[in-house]
Amino acid sequence: MQRQFKINLSILLISLFLAAIMFFLIDLFTLRYRVGQGISGNGNLGVLFIYIAVPIYLLMLVYVYKVSDGYYRNRKNIGALSVILLCLICFCVYGESYQIQSLLHHLGGGPNSPGSVIYRFGWLNQYTNTLYFNFYSFTIGVLMSLLISTYVEMLRRRKVRSINSHN
């Protein structure tokens, strides 16, 4: 069991590192609109990293769940942790919402607004990659994986207590 935990932790750390690099590269290759300098016609280079980032990020989330599940098995009072995780998720959702509002304001609206820089571009374009791949979305995924793991462990403990109380 200890060996499997170490393997899972190693996979988690490697995938965490790679996912963070991919999110950084998406940010690096997402264009920043500068007022009065026109619209870029060079396409969406960030999308190349999105195709790599998504499977790595999903793998990382699976291993966040696996490692945290193994960790929670031996811990008490994980109920308080779920409250903390929910609060952190709320803060991240607020941050994500603010980032979206800020970028759309800077761009003059979304892709359906005629006065917008991204008018008729679609929601995923060279200016909006960071709406989906940013610190907040990265953190929300990790926190959700931890929260699910916490709830699964709480349900497992409740089931064990129920079985033990009937015997």
N, C-alpha and C. Protein backbone atom coordinates (compact mmCIF):
# COMPACT_ATOMS: atom_id res chain seq x y z
N MET A 1 0.82 -1.20 0.00
CA MET A 1 0.00 0.00 0.00
C MET A 1 0.87 1.26 0.00
N GLN A 2 1.89 1.28 0.82
CA GLN A 2 2.79 2.43 0.90
C GLN A 2 3.48 2.66 -0.45
N ARG A 3 3.85 1.58 -1.12
CA ARG A 3 4.51 1.68 -2.42
C ARG A 3 3.58 2.31 -3.45
N GLN A 4 2.31 1.88 -3.45
CA GLN A 4 1.33 2.42 -4.38
C GLN A 4 1.10 3.91 -4.12
N PHE A 5 1.08 4.30 -2.85
CA PHE A 5 0.91 5.71 -2.50
C PHE A 5 2.07 6.54 -3.05
N LYS A 6 3.28 6.02 -2.94
CA LYS A 6 4.46 6.74 -3.45
C LYS A 6 4.41 6.86 -4.97
N ILE A 7 3.96 5.80 -5.64
CA ILE A 7 3.83 5.85 -7.10
C ILE A 7 2.79 6.90 -7.49
N ASN A 8 1.63 6.87 -6.81
CA ASN A 8 0.57 7.85 -7.10
C ASN A 8 1.05 9.28 -6.84
N LEU A 9 1.78 9.45 -5.74
CA LEU A 9 2.30 10.78 -5.41
C LEU A 9 3.30 11.25 -6.47
N SER A 10 4.14 10.34 -6.94
CA SER A 10 5.11 10.70 -7.99
C SER A 10 4.40 11.12 -9.27
N ILE A 11 3.39 10.35 -9.67
CA ILE A 11 2.62 10.69 -10.87
C ILE A 11 1.92 12.03 -10.68
N LEU A 12 1.38 12.25 -9.48
CA LEU A 12 0.73 13.53 -9.19
C LEU A 12 1.70 14.69 -9.33
N LEU A 13 2.87 14.57 -8.74
CA LEU A 13 3.83 15.67 -8.78
C LEU A 13 4.32 15.96 -10.20
N ILE A 14 4.57 14.90 -10.97
CA ILE A 14 5.01 15.09 -12.36
C ILE A 14 3.90 15.74 -13.18
N SER A 15 2.67 15.22 -13.05
CA SER A 15 1.56 15.79 -13.82
C SER A 15 1.23 17.21 -13.36
N LEU A 16 1.39 17.49 -12.07
CA LEU A 16 1.19 18.85 -11.56
C LEU A 16 2.19 19.81 -12.20
N PHE A 17 3.43 19.41 -12.24
CA PHE A 17 4.48 20.22 -12.85
C PHE A 17 4.19 20.47 -14.33
N LEU A 18 3.86 19.40 -15.06
CA LEU A 18 3.59 19.53 -16.50
C LEU A 18 2.33 20.36 -16.77
N ALA A 19 1.29 20.15 -15.97
CA ALA A 19 0.05 20.92 -16.15
C ALA A 19 0.30 22.41 -15.88
N ALA A 20 1.07 22.71 -14.85
CA ALA A 20 1.38 24.11 -14.54
C ALA A 20 2.17 24.75 -15.69
N ILE A 21 3.11 24.01 -16.25
CA ILE A 21 3.87 24.52 -17.40
C ILE A 21 2.95 24.76 -18.59
N MET A 22 2.03 23.82 -18.86
CA MET A 22 1.11 23.99 -19.98
C MET A 22 0.21 25.20 -19.78
N PHE A 23 -0.30 25.40 -18.57
CA PHE A 23 -1.13 26.57 -18.30
C PHE A 23 -0.32 27.85 -18.50
N PHE A 24 0.93 27.82 -18.07
CA PHE A 24 1.81 28.98 -18.27
C PHE A 24 2.02 29.25 -19.76
N LEU A 25 2.25 28.19 -20.55
CA LEU A 25 2.46 28.36 -21.98
C LEU A 25 1.20 28.87 -22.68
N ILE A 26 0.05 28.40 -22.24
CA ILE A 26 -1.21 28.92 -22.80
C ILE A 26 -1.30 30.42 -22.53
N ASP A 27 -0.97 30.81 -21.31
CA ASP A 27 -0.99 32.23 -20.96
C ASP A 27 0.03 33.02 -21.79
N LEU A 28 1.20 32.45 -21.95
CA LEU A 28 2.27 33.11 -22.70
C LEU A 28 1.89 33.35 -24.16
N PHE A 29 1.19 32.38 -24.76
CA PHE A 29 0.84 32.48 -26.18
C PHE A 29 -0.56 33.05 -26.42
N THR A 30 -1.24 33.48 -25.35
CA THR A 30 -2.51 34.18 -25.51
C THR A 30 -2.19 35.66 -25.71
N LEU A 31 -2.69 36.22 -26.77
CA LEU A 31 -2.38 37.61 -27.11
C LEU A 31 -3.10 38.58 -26.19
N ARG A 32 -2.46 39.69 -25.92
CA ARG A 32 -3.04 40.77 -25.13
C ARG A 32 -3.45 41.88 -26.11
N TYR A 33 -4.70 42.21 -26.06
CA TYR A 33 -5.18 43.27 -26.95
C TYR A 33 -4.71 44.62 -26.42
N ARG A 34 -4.13 45.40 -27.31
CA ARG A 34 -3.70 46.76 -26.99
C ARG A 34 -4.58 47.72 -27.78
N VAL A 35 -5.25 48.57 -27.06
CA VAL A 35 -6.20 49.50 -27.67
C VAL A 35 -5.50 50.34 -28.73
N GLY A 36 -6.11 50.40 -29.90
CA GLY A 36 -5.60 51.23 -30.98
C GLY A 36 -4.53 50.56 -31.83
N GLN A 37 -4.18 49.31 -31.55
CA GLN A 37 -3.13 48.65 -32.32
C GLN A 37 -3.66 47.58 -33.26
N GLY A 38 -4.95 47.49 -33.42
CA GLY A 38 -5.51 46.53 -34.35
C GLY A 38 -5.64 45.14 -33.77
N ILE A 39 -6.20 44.26 -34.58
CA ILE A 39 -6.46 42.88 -34.17
C ILE A 39 -5.44 41.97 -34.84
N SER A 40 -4.95 41.01 -34.09
CA SER A 40 -3.97 40.07 -34.63
C SER A 40 -4.64 39.11 -35.60
N GLY A 41 -4.00 38.85 -36.70
CA GLY A 41 -4.49 37.88 -37.67
C GLY A 41 -3.63 36.64 -37.71
N ASN A 42 -2.80 36.47 -36.69
CA ASN A 42 -1.86 35.34 -36.67
C ASN A 42 -2.45 34.05 -36.13
N GLY A 43 -3.70 34.04 -35.77
CA GLY A 43 -4.32 32.83 -35.28
C GLY A 43 -4.10 32.64 -33.79
N ASN A 44 -4.54 31.49 -33.32
CA ASN A 44 -4.54 31.19 -31.90
C ASN A 44 -3.44 30.18 -31.58
N LEU A 45 -2.23 30.65 -31.31
CA LEU A 45 -1.13 29.74 -31.01
C LEU A 45 -1.31 29.04 -29.67
N GLY A 46 -2.04 29.65 -28.75
CA GLY A 46 -2.28 29.05 -27.44
C GLY A 46 -3.05 27.75 -27.52
N VAL A 47 -3.86 27.59 -28.58
CA VAL A 47 -4.67 26.38 -28.72
C VAL A 47 -3.79 25.13 -28.86
N LEU A 48 -2.59 25.29 -29.38
CA LEU A 48 -1.67 24.15 -29.49
C LEU A 48 -1.37 23.56 -28.11
N PHE A 49 -1.22 24.42 -27.12
CA PHE A 49 -0.92 23.96 -25.77
C PHE A 49 -2.16 23.49 -25.04
N ILE A 50 -3.33 23.97 -25.45
CA ILE A 50 -4.58 23.53 -24.83
C ILE A 50 -4.77 22.03 -25.06
N TYR A 51 -4.49 21.58 -26.28
CA TYR A 51 -4.66 20.15 -26.59
C TYR A 51 -3.73 19.27 -25.76
N ILE A 52 -2.60 19.79 -25.38
CA ILE A 52 -1.66 19.04 -24.52
C ILE A 52 -2.06 19.19 -23.06
N ALA A 53 -2.49 20.39 -22.68
CA ALA A 53 -2.78 20.69 -21.27
C ALA A 53 -3.98 19.91 -20.74
N VAL A 54 -5.02 19.76 -21.53
CA VAL A 54 -6.26 19.15 -21.02
C VAL A 54 -6.04 17.72 -20.53
N PRO A 55 -5.44 16.81 -21.31
CA PRO A 55 -5.27 15.45 -20.78
C PRO A 55 -4.31 15.40 -19.58
N ILE A 56 -3.28 16.23 -19.60
CA ILE A 56 -2.34 16.24 -18.47
C ILE A 56 -3.05 16.75 -17.22
N TYR A 57 -3.83 17.80 -17.37
CA TYR A 57 -4.56 18.38 -16.24
C TYR A 57 -5.58 17.37 -15.69
N LEU A 58 -6.30 16.70 -16.56
CA LEU A 58 -7.28 15.70 -16.10
C LEU A 58 -6.59 14.54 -15.39
N LEU A 59 -5.45 14.10 -15.91
CA LEU A 59 -4.67 13.06 -15.23
C LEU A 59 -4.25 13.54 -13.85
N MET A 60 -3.79 14.78 -13.77
CA MET A 60 -3.38 15.34 -12.49
C MET A 60 -4.55 15.34 -11.50
N LEU A 61 -5.74 15.72 -11.95
CA LEU A 61 -6.90 15.75 -11.06
C LEU A 61 -7.26 14.36 -10.55
N VAL A 62 -7.13 13.35 -11.40
CA VAL A 62 -7.38 11.98 -10.97
C VAL A 62 -6.40 11.60 -9.86
N TYR A 63 -5.15 11.97 -10.02
CA TYR A 63 -4.15 11.62 -9.01
C TYR A 63 -4.24 12.50 -7.77
N VAL A 64 -4.75 13.71 -7.90
CA VAL A 64 -5.05 14.51 -6.70
C VAL A 64 -6.09 13.76 -5.88
N TYR A 65 -7.11 13.22 -6.55
CA TYR A 65 -8.14 12.45 -5.87
C TYR A 65 -7.55 11.20 -5.21
N LYS A 66 -6.77 10.45 -5.97
CA LYS A 66 -6.20 9.20 -5.45
C LYS A 66 -5.30 9.44 -4.24
N VAL A 67 -4.42 10.41 -4.35
CA VAL A 67 -3.48 10.68 -3.26
C VAL A 67 -4.22 11.22 -2.04
N SER A 68 -5.16 12.13 -2.25
CA SER A 68 -5.89 12.68 -1.11
C SER A 68 -6.78 11.63 -0.47
N ASP A 69 -7.35 10.73 -1.26
CA ASP A 69 -8.16 9.65 -0.71
C ASP A 69 -7.33 8.77 0.21
N GLY A 70 -6.13 8.42 -0.22
CA GLY A 70 -5.23 7.64 0.62
C GLY A 70 -4.81 8.39 1.87
N TYR A 71 -4.64 9.68 1.74
CA TYR A 71 -4.22 10.51 2.87
C TYR A 71 -5.35 10.65 3.89
N TYR A 72 -6.58 10.84 3.43
CA TYR A 72 -7.71 11.05 4.33
C TYR A 72 -8.07 9.81 5.13
N ARG A 73 -7.73 8.64 4.63
CA ARG A 73 -8.10 7.40 5.33
C ARG A 73 -7.60 7.39 6.77
N ASN A 74 -6.47 8.02 7.03
CA ASN A 74 -5.86 7.98 8.35
C ASN A 74 -6.03 9.28 9.13
N ARG A 75 -6.89 10.15 8.70
CA ARG A 75 -7.05 11.45 9.35
C ARG A 75 -8.42 11.57 10.01
N LYS A 76 -8.45 12.35 11.08
CA LYS A 76 -9.71 12.64 11.75
C LYS A 76 -10.15 14.04 11.38
N ASN A 77 -11.39 14.34 11.66
CA ASN A 77 -11.95 15.69 11.47
C ASN A 77 -11.79 16.22 10.05
N ILE A 78 -12.12 15.40 9.07
CA ILE A 78 -12.04 15.89 7.69
C ILE A 78 -13.27 16.71 7.32
N GLY A 79 -14.28 16.72 8.19
CA GLY A 79 -15.47 17.54 7.95
C GLY A 79 -15.13 19.02 7.89
N ALA A 80 -14.25 19.46 8.78
CA ALA A 80 -13.83 20.87 8.78
C ALA A 80 -13.09 21.21 7.49
N LEU A 81 -12.36 20.24 6.97
CA LEU A 81 -11.63 20.46 5.73
C LEU A 81 -12.59 20.76 4.57
N SER A 82 -13.72 20.06 4.55
CA SER A 82 -14.68 20.29 3.47
C SER A 82 -15.22 21.72 3.50
N VAL A 83 -15.41 22.28 4.68
CA VAL A 83 -15.88 23.67 4.80
C VAL A 83 -14.81 24.62 4.27
N ILE A 84 -13.56 24.37 4.63
CA ILE A 84 -12.45 25.21 4.16
C ILE A 84 -12.34 25.13 2.64
N LEU A 85 -12.45 23.92 2.10
CA LEU A 85 -12.36 23.75 0.65
C LEU A 85 -13.49 24.49 -0.06
N LEU A 86 -14.70 24.42 0.49
CA LEU A 86 -15.84 25.14 -0.11
C LEU A 86 -15.60 26.65 -0.10
N CYS A 87 -15.05 27.17 0.98
CA CYS A 87 -14.74 28.61 1.05
C CYS A 87 -13.69 28.99 0.01
N LEU A 88 -12.66 28.17 -0.12
CA LEU A 88 -11.61 28.45 -1.11
C LEU A 88 -12.17 28.39 -2.53
N ILE A 89 -13.06 27.44 -2.78
CA ILE A 89 -13.70 27.34 -4.10
C ILE A 89 -14.50 28.61 -4.38
N CYS A 90 -15.23 29.09 -3.39
CA CYS A 90 -16.01 30.33 -3.56
C CYS A 90 -15.10 31.51 -3.90
N PHE A 91 -13.97 31.63 -3.21
CA PHE A 91 -13.03 32.72 -3.51
C PHE A 91 -12.50 32.59 -4.93
N CYS A 92 -12.18 31.37 -5.34
CA CYS A 92 -11.66 31.17 -6.70
C CYS A 92 -12.72 31.45 -7.76
N VAL A 93 -13.97 31.06 -7.49
CA VAL A 93 -15.05 31.34 -8.44
C VAL A 93 -15.23 32.85 -8.57
N TYR A 94 -15.14 33.56 -7.45
CA TYR A 94 -15.22 35.03 -7.50
C TYR A 94 -14.07 35.60 -8.34
N GLY A 95 -12.85 35.10 -8.11
CA GLY A 95 -11.69 35.56 -8.87
C GLY A 95 -11.83 35.28 -10.35
N GLU A 96 -12.33 34.09 -10.67
CA GLU A 96 -12.55 33.72 -12.08
C GLU A 96 -13.59 34.65 -12.71
N SER A 97 -14.67 34.89 -11.98
CA SER A 97 -15.72 35.77 -12.48
C SER A 97 -15.19 37.19 -12.72
N TYR A 98 -14.39 37.68 -11.80
CA TYR A 98 -13.81 39.02 -11.95
C TYR A 98 -12.88 39.06 -13.17
N GLN A 99 -12.09 38.01 -13.35
CA GLN A 99 -11.16 37.97 -14.48
C GLN A 99 -11.93 37.97 -15.80
N ILE A 100 -13.00 37.21 -15.87
CA ILE A 100 -13.83 37.16 -17.08
C ILE A 100 -14.43 38.54 -17.37
N GLN A 101 -15.03 39.14 -16.34
CA GLN A 101 -15.64 40.47 -16.50
C GLN A 101 -14.61 41.49 -16.96
N SER A 102 -13.44 41.45 -16.36
CA SER A 102 -12.38 42.40 -16.68
C SER A 102 -11.91 42.26 -18.12
N LEU A 103 -11.68 41.02 -18.56
CA LEU A 103 -11.20 40.80 -19.93
C LEU A 103 -12.27 41.19 -20.95
N LEU A 104 -13.51 40.79 -20.69
CA LEU A 104 -14.58 41.13 -21.63
C LEU A 104 -14.79 42.64 -21.70
N HIS A 105 -14.64 43.32 -20.59
CA HIS A 105 -14.73 44.79 -20.60
C HIS A 105 -13.60 45.37 -21.45
N HIS A 106 -12.39 44.84 -21.27
CA HIS A 106 -11.23 45.32 -22.02
C HIS A 106 -11.40 45.07 -23.53
N LEU A 107 -12.02 43.94 -23.87
CA LEU A 107 -12.21 43.60 -25.28
C LEU A 107 -13.44 44.27 -25.89
N GLY A 108 -14.23 44.92 -25.07
CA GLY A 108 -15.42 45.60 -25.58
C GLY A 108 -16.63 44.71 -25.69
N GLY A 109 -16.61 43.57 -25.02
CA GLY A 109 -17.74 42.64 -25.04
C GLY A 109 -17.32 41.28 -25.56
N GLY A 110 -18.30 40.40 -25.66
CA GLY A 110 -18.06 39.04 -26.13
C GLY A 110 -18.12 38.94 -27.64
N PRO A 111 -18.07 37.72 -28.16
CA PRO A 111 -18.04 37.53 -29.61
C PRO A 111 -19.35 37.89 -30.32
N ASN A 112 -20.43 38.12 -29.57
CA ASN A 112 -21.70 38.50 -30.19
C ASN A 112 -21.94 40.01 -30.18
N SER A 113 -21.04 40.75 -29.55
CA SER A 113 -21.18 42.21 -29.47
C SER A 113 -20.49 42.86 -30.67
N PRO A 114 -21.23 43.57 -31.51
CA PRO A 114 -20.64 44.17 -32.71
C PRO A 114 -19.46 45.10 -32.45
N GLY A 115 -19.40 45.75 -31.31
CA GLY A 115 -18.29 46.65 -31.01
C GLY A 115 -17.09 45.97 -30.38
N SER A 116 -17.16 44.67 -30.21
CA SER A 116 -16.11 43.92 -29.53
C SER A 116 -14.94 43.62 -30.46
N VAL A 117 -13.76 43.55 -29.87
CA VAL A 117 -12.55 43.16 -30.61
C VAL A 117 -12.69 41.72 -31.13
N ILE A 118 -13.41 40.89 -30.37
CA ILE A 118 -13.54 39.47 -30.75
C ILE A 118 -14.87 39.18 -31.43
N TYR A 119 -15.51 40.20 -31.98
CA TYR A 119 -16.78 40.02 -32.67
C TYR A 119 -16.64 38.95 -33.74
N ARG A 120 -17.49 37.94 -33.67
CA ARG A 120 -17.55 36.81 -34.60
C ARG A 120 -16.33 35.89 -34.53
N PHE A 121 -15.54 35.98 -33.50
CA PHE A 121 -14.38 35.08 -33.35
C PHE A 121 -14.76 33.76 -32.69
N GLY A 122 -15.78 33.74 -31.88
CA GLY A 122 -16.07 32.58 -31.04
C GLY A 122 -15.45 32.80 -29.67
N TRP A 123 -15.86 32.00 -28.71
CA TRP A 123 -15.39 32.22 -27.33
C TRP A 123 -13.96 31.78 -27.10
N LEU A 124 -13.47 30.83 -27.86
CA LEU A 124 -12.07 30.40 -27.72
C LEU A 124 -11.28 30.99 -28.88
N ASN A 125 -10.48 31.99 -28.59
CA ASN A 125 -9.70 32.66 -29.62
C ASN A 125 -8.38 33.15 -29.03
N GLN A 126 -7.58 33.82 -29.85
CA GLN A 126 -6.24 34.24 -29.43
C GLN A 126 -6.23 35.24 -28.28
N TYR A 127 -7.38 35.81 -27.94
CA TYR A 127 -7.46 36.77 -26.84
C TYR A 127 -8.11 36.19 -25.58
N THR A 128 -8.80 35.05 -25.70
CA THR A 128 -9.60 34.56 -24.58
C THR A 128 -9.17 33.20 -24.02
N ASN A 129 -8.05 32.66 -24.44
CA ASN A 129 -7.61 31.37 -23.90
C ASN A 129 -7.52 31.41 -22.38
N THR A 130 -7.08 32.54 -21.85
CA THR A 130 -6.88 32.64 -20.40
C THR A 130 -8.20 32.75 -19.63
N LEU A 131 -9.32 32.87 -20.31
CA LEU A 131 -10.59 32.79 -19.60
C LEU A 131 -10.80 31.38 -19.06
N TYR A 132 -10.28 30.40 -19.76
CA TYR A 132 -10.49 29.00 -19.42
C TYR A 132 -9.29 28.37 -18.73
N PHE A 133 -8.12 28.82 -19.05
CA PHE A 133 -6.88 28.22 -18.53
C PHE A 133 -6.10 29.28 -17.77
N ASN A 134 -6.35 29.35 -16.47
CA ASN A 134 -5.71 30.35 -15.63
C ASN A 134 -5.55 29.81 -14.22
N PHE A 135 -4.98 30.61 -13.35
CA PHE A 135 -4.75 30.20 -11.97
C PHE A 135 -6.05 29.76 -11.29
N TYR A 136 -7.12 30.52 -11.49
CA TYR A 136 -8.38 30.22 -10.81
C TYR A 136 -8.98 28.90 -11.30
N SER A 137 -9.02 28.69 -12.61
CA SER A 137 -9.59 27.44 -13.12
C SER A 137 -8.73 26.25 -12.70
N PHE A 138 -7.42 26.43 -12.71
CA PHE A 138 -6.50 25.38 -12.27
C PHE A 138 -6.79 25.03 -10.81
N THR A 139 -6.89 26.04 -9.97
CA THR A 139 -7.10 25.83 -8.54
C THR A 139 -8.49 25.28 -8.25
N ILE A 140 -9.51 25.74 -8.96
CA ILE A 140 -10.86 25.22 -8.76
C ILE A 140 -10.90 23.72 -9.03
N GLY A 141 -10.24 23.28 -10.09
CA GLY A 141 -10.20 21.85 -10.39
C GLY A 141 -9.55 21.05 -9.28
N VAL A 142 -8.42 21.54 -8.77
CA VAL A 142 -7.72 20.84 -7.68
C VAL A 142 -8.59 20.81 -6.43
N LEU A 143 -9.18 21.95 -6.08
CA LEU A 143 -10.02 22.02 -4.89
C LEU A 143 -11.26 21.14 -5.02
N MET A 144 -11.86 21.09 -6.20
CA MET A 144 -13.02 20.22 -6.42
C MET A 144 -12.64 18.75 -6.28
N SER A 145 -11.49 18.39 -6.79
CA SER A 145 -11.01 17.01 -6.66
C SER A 145 -10.80 16.66 -5.19
N LEU A 146 -10.21 17.59 -4.44
CA LEU A 146 -10.02 17.38 -3.00
C LEU A 146 -11.35 17.29 -2.27
N LEU A 147 -12.29 18.14 -2.65
CA LEU A 147 -13.60 18.15 -2.01
C LEU A 147 -14.36 16.85 -2.28
N ILE A 148 -14.32 16.38 -3.50
CA ILE A 148 -14.97 15.11 -3.83
C ILE A 148 -14.35 13.98 -3.04
N SER A 149 -13.04 13.97 -2.95
CA SER A 149 -12.34 12.95 -2.17
C SER A 149 -12.75 13.01 -0.70
N THR A 150 -12.88 14.21 -0.17
CA THR A 150 -13.31 14.39 1.22
C THR A 150 -14.71 13.84 1.43
N TYR A 151 -15.63 14.18 0.54
CA TYR A 151 -17.01 13.70 0.67
C TYR A 151 -17.10 12.18 0.52
N VAL A 152 -16.34 11.62 -0.40
CA VAL A 152 -16.35 10.16 -0.56
C VAL A 152 -15.86 9.49 0.72
N GLU A 153 -14.82 10.04 1.32
CA GLU A 153 -14.30 9.48 2.57
C GLU A 153 -15.31 9.64 3.70
N MET A 154 -15.99 10.76 3.75
CA MET A 154 -17.02 10.95 4.79
C MET A 154 -18.16 9.95 4.61
N LEU A 155 -18.57 9.71 3.37
CA LEU A 155 -19.61 8.71 3.10
C LEU A 155 -19.13 7.30 3.45
N ARG A 156 -17.88 7.01 3.15
CA ARG A 156 -17.32 5.69 3.49
C ARG A 156 -17.35 5.49 5.00
N ARG A 157 -16.96 6.51 5.75
CA ARG A 157 -16.95 6.42 7.21
C ARG A 157 -18.36 6.26 7.76
N ARG A 158 -19.31 6.99 7.17
CA ARG A 158 -20.70 6.87 7.62
C ARG A 158 -21.22 5.46 7.37
N LYS A 159 -20.87 4.89 6.23
CA LYS A 159 -21.31 3.54 5.90
C LYS A 159 -20.70 2.53 6.87
N VAL A 160 -19.42 2.69 7.19
CA VAL A 160 -18.76 1.79 8.14
C VAL A 160 -19.41 1.90 9.51
N ARG A 161 -19.70 3.13 9.96
CA ARG A 161 -20.37 3.31 11.26
C ARG A 161 -21.75 2.68 11.25
N SER A 162 -22.46 2.80 10.14
CA SER A 162 -23.80 2.23 10.03
C SER A 162 -23.75 0.71 10.11
N ILE A 163 -22.79 0.13 9.41
CA ILE A 163 -22.63 -1.33 9.43
C ILE A 163 -22.25 -1.79 10.83
N ASN A 164 -21.34 -1.08 11.48
CA ASN A 164 -20.90 -1.45 12.83
C ASN A 164 -22.01 -1.28 13.85
N SER A 165 -22.89 -0.31 13.68
CA SER A 165 -23.97 -0.10 14.64
C SER A 165 -25.05 -1.16 14.52
N HIS A 166 -25.19 -1.77 13.34
CA HIS A 166 -26.18 -2.83 13.14
C HIS A 166 -25.68 -4.18 13.63
N ASN A 167 -24.38 -4.31 13.85
CA ASN A 167 -23.82 -5.59 14.31
C ASN A 167 -23.75 -5.67 15.77
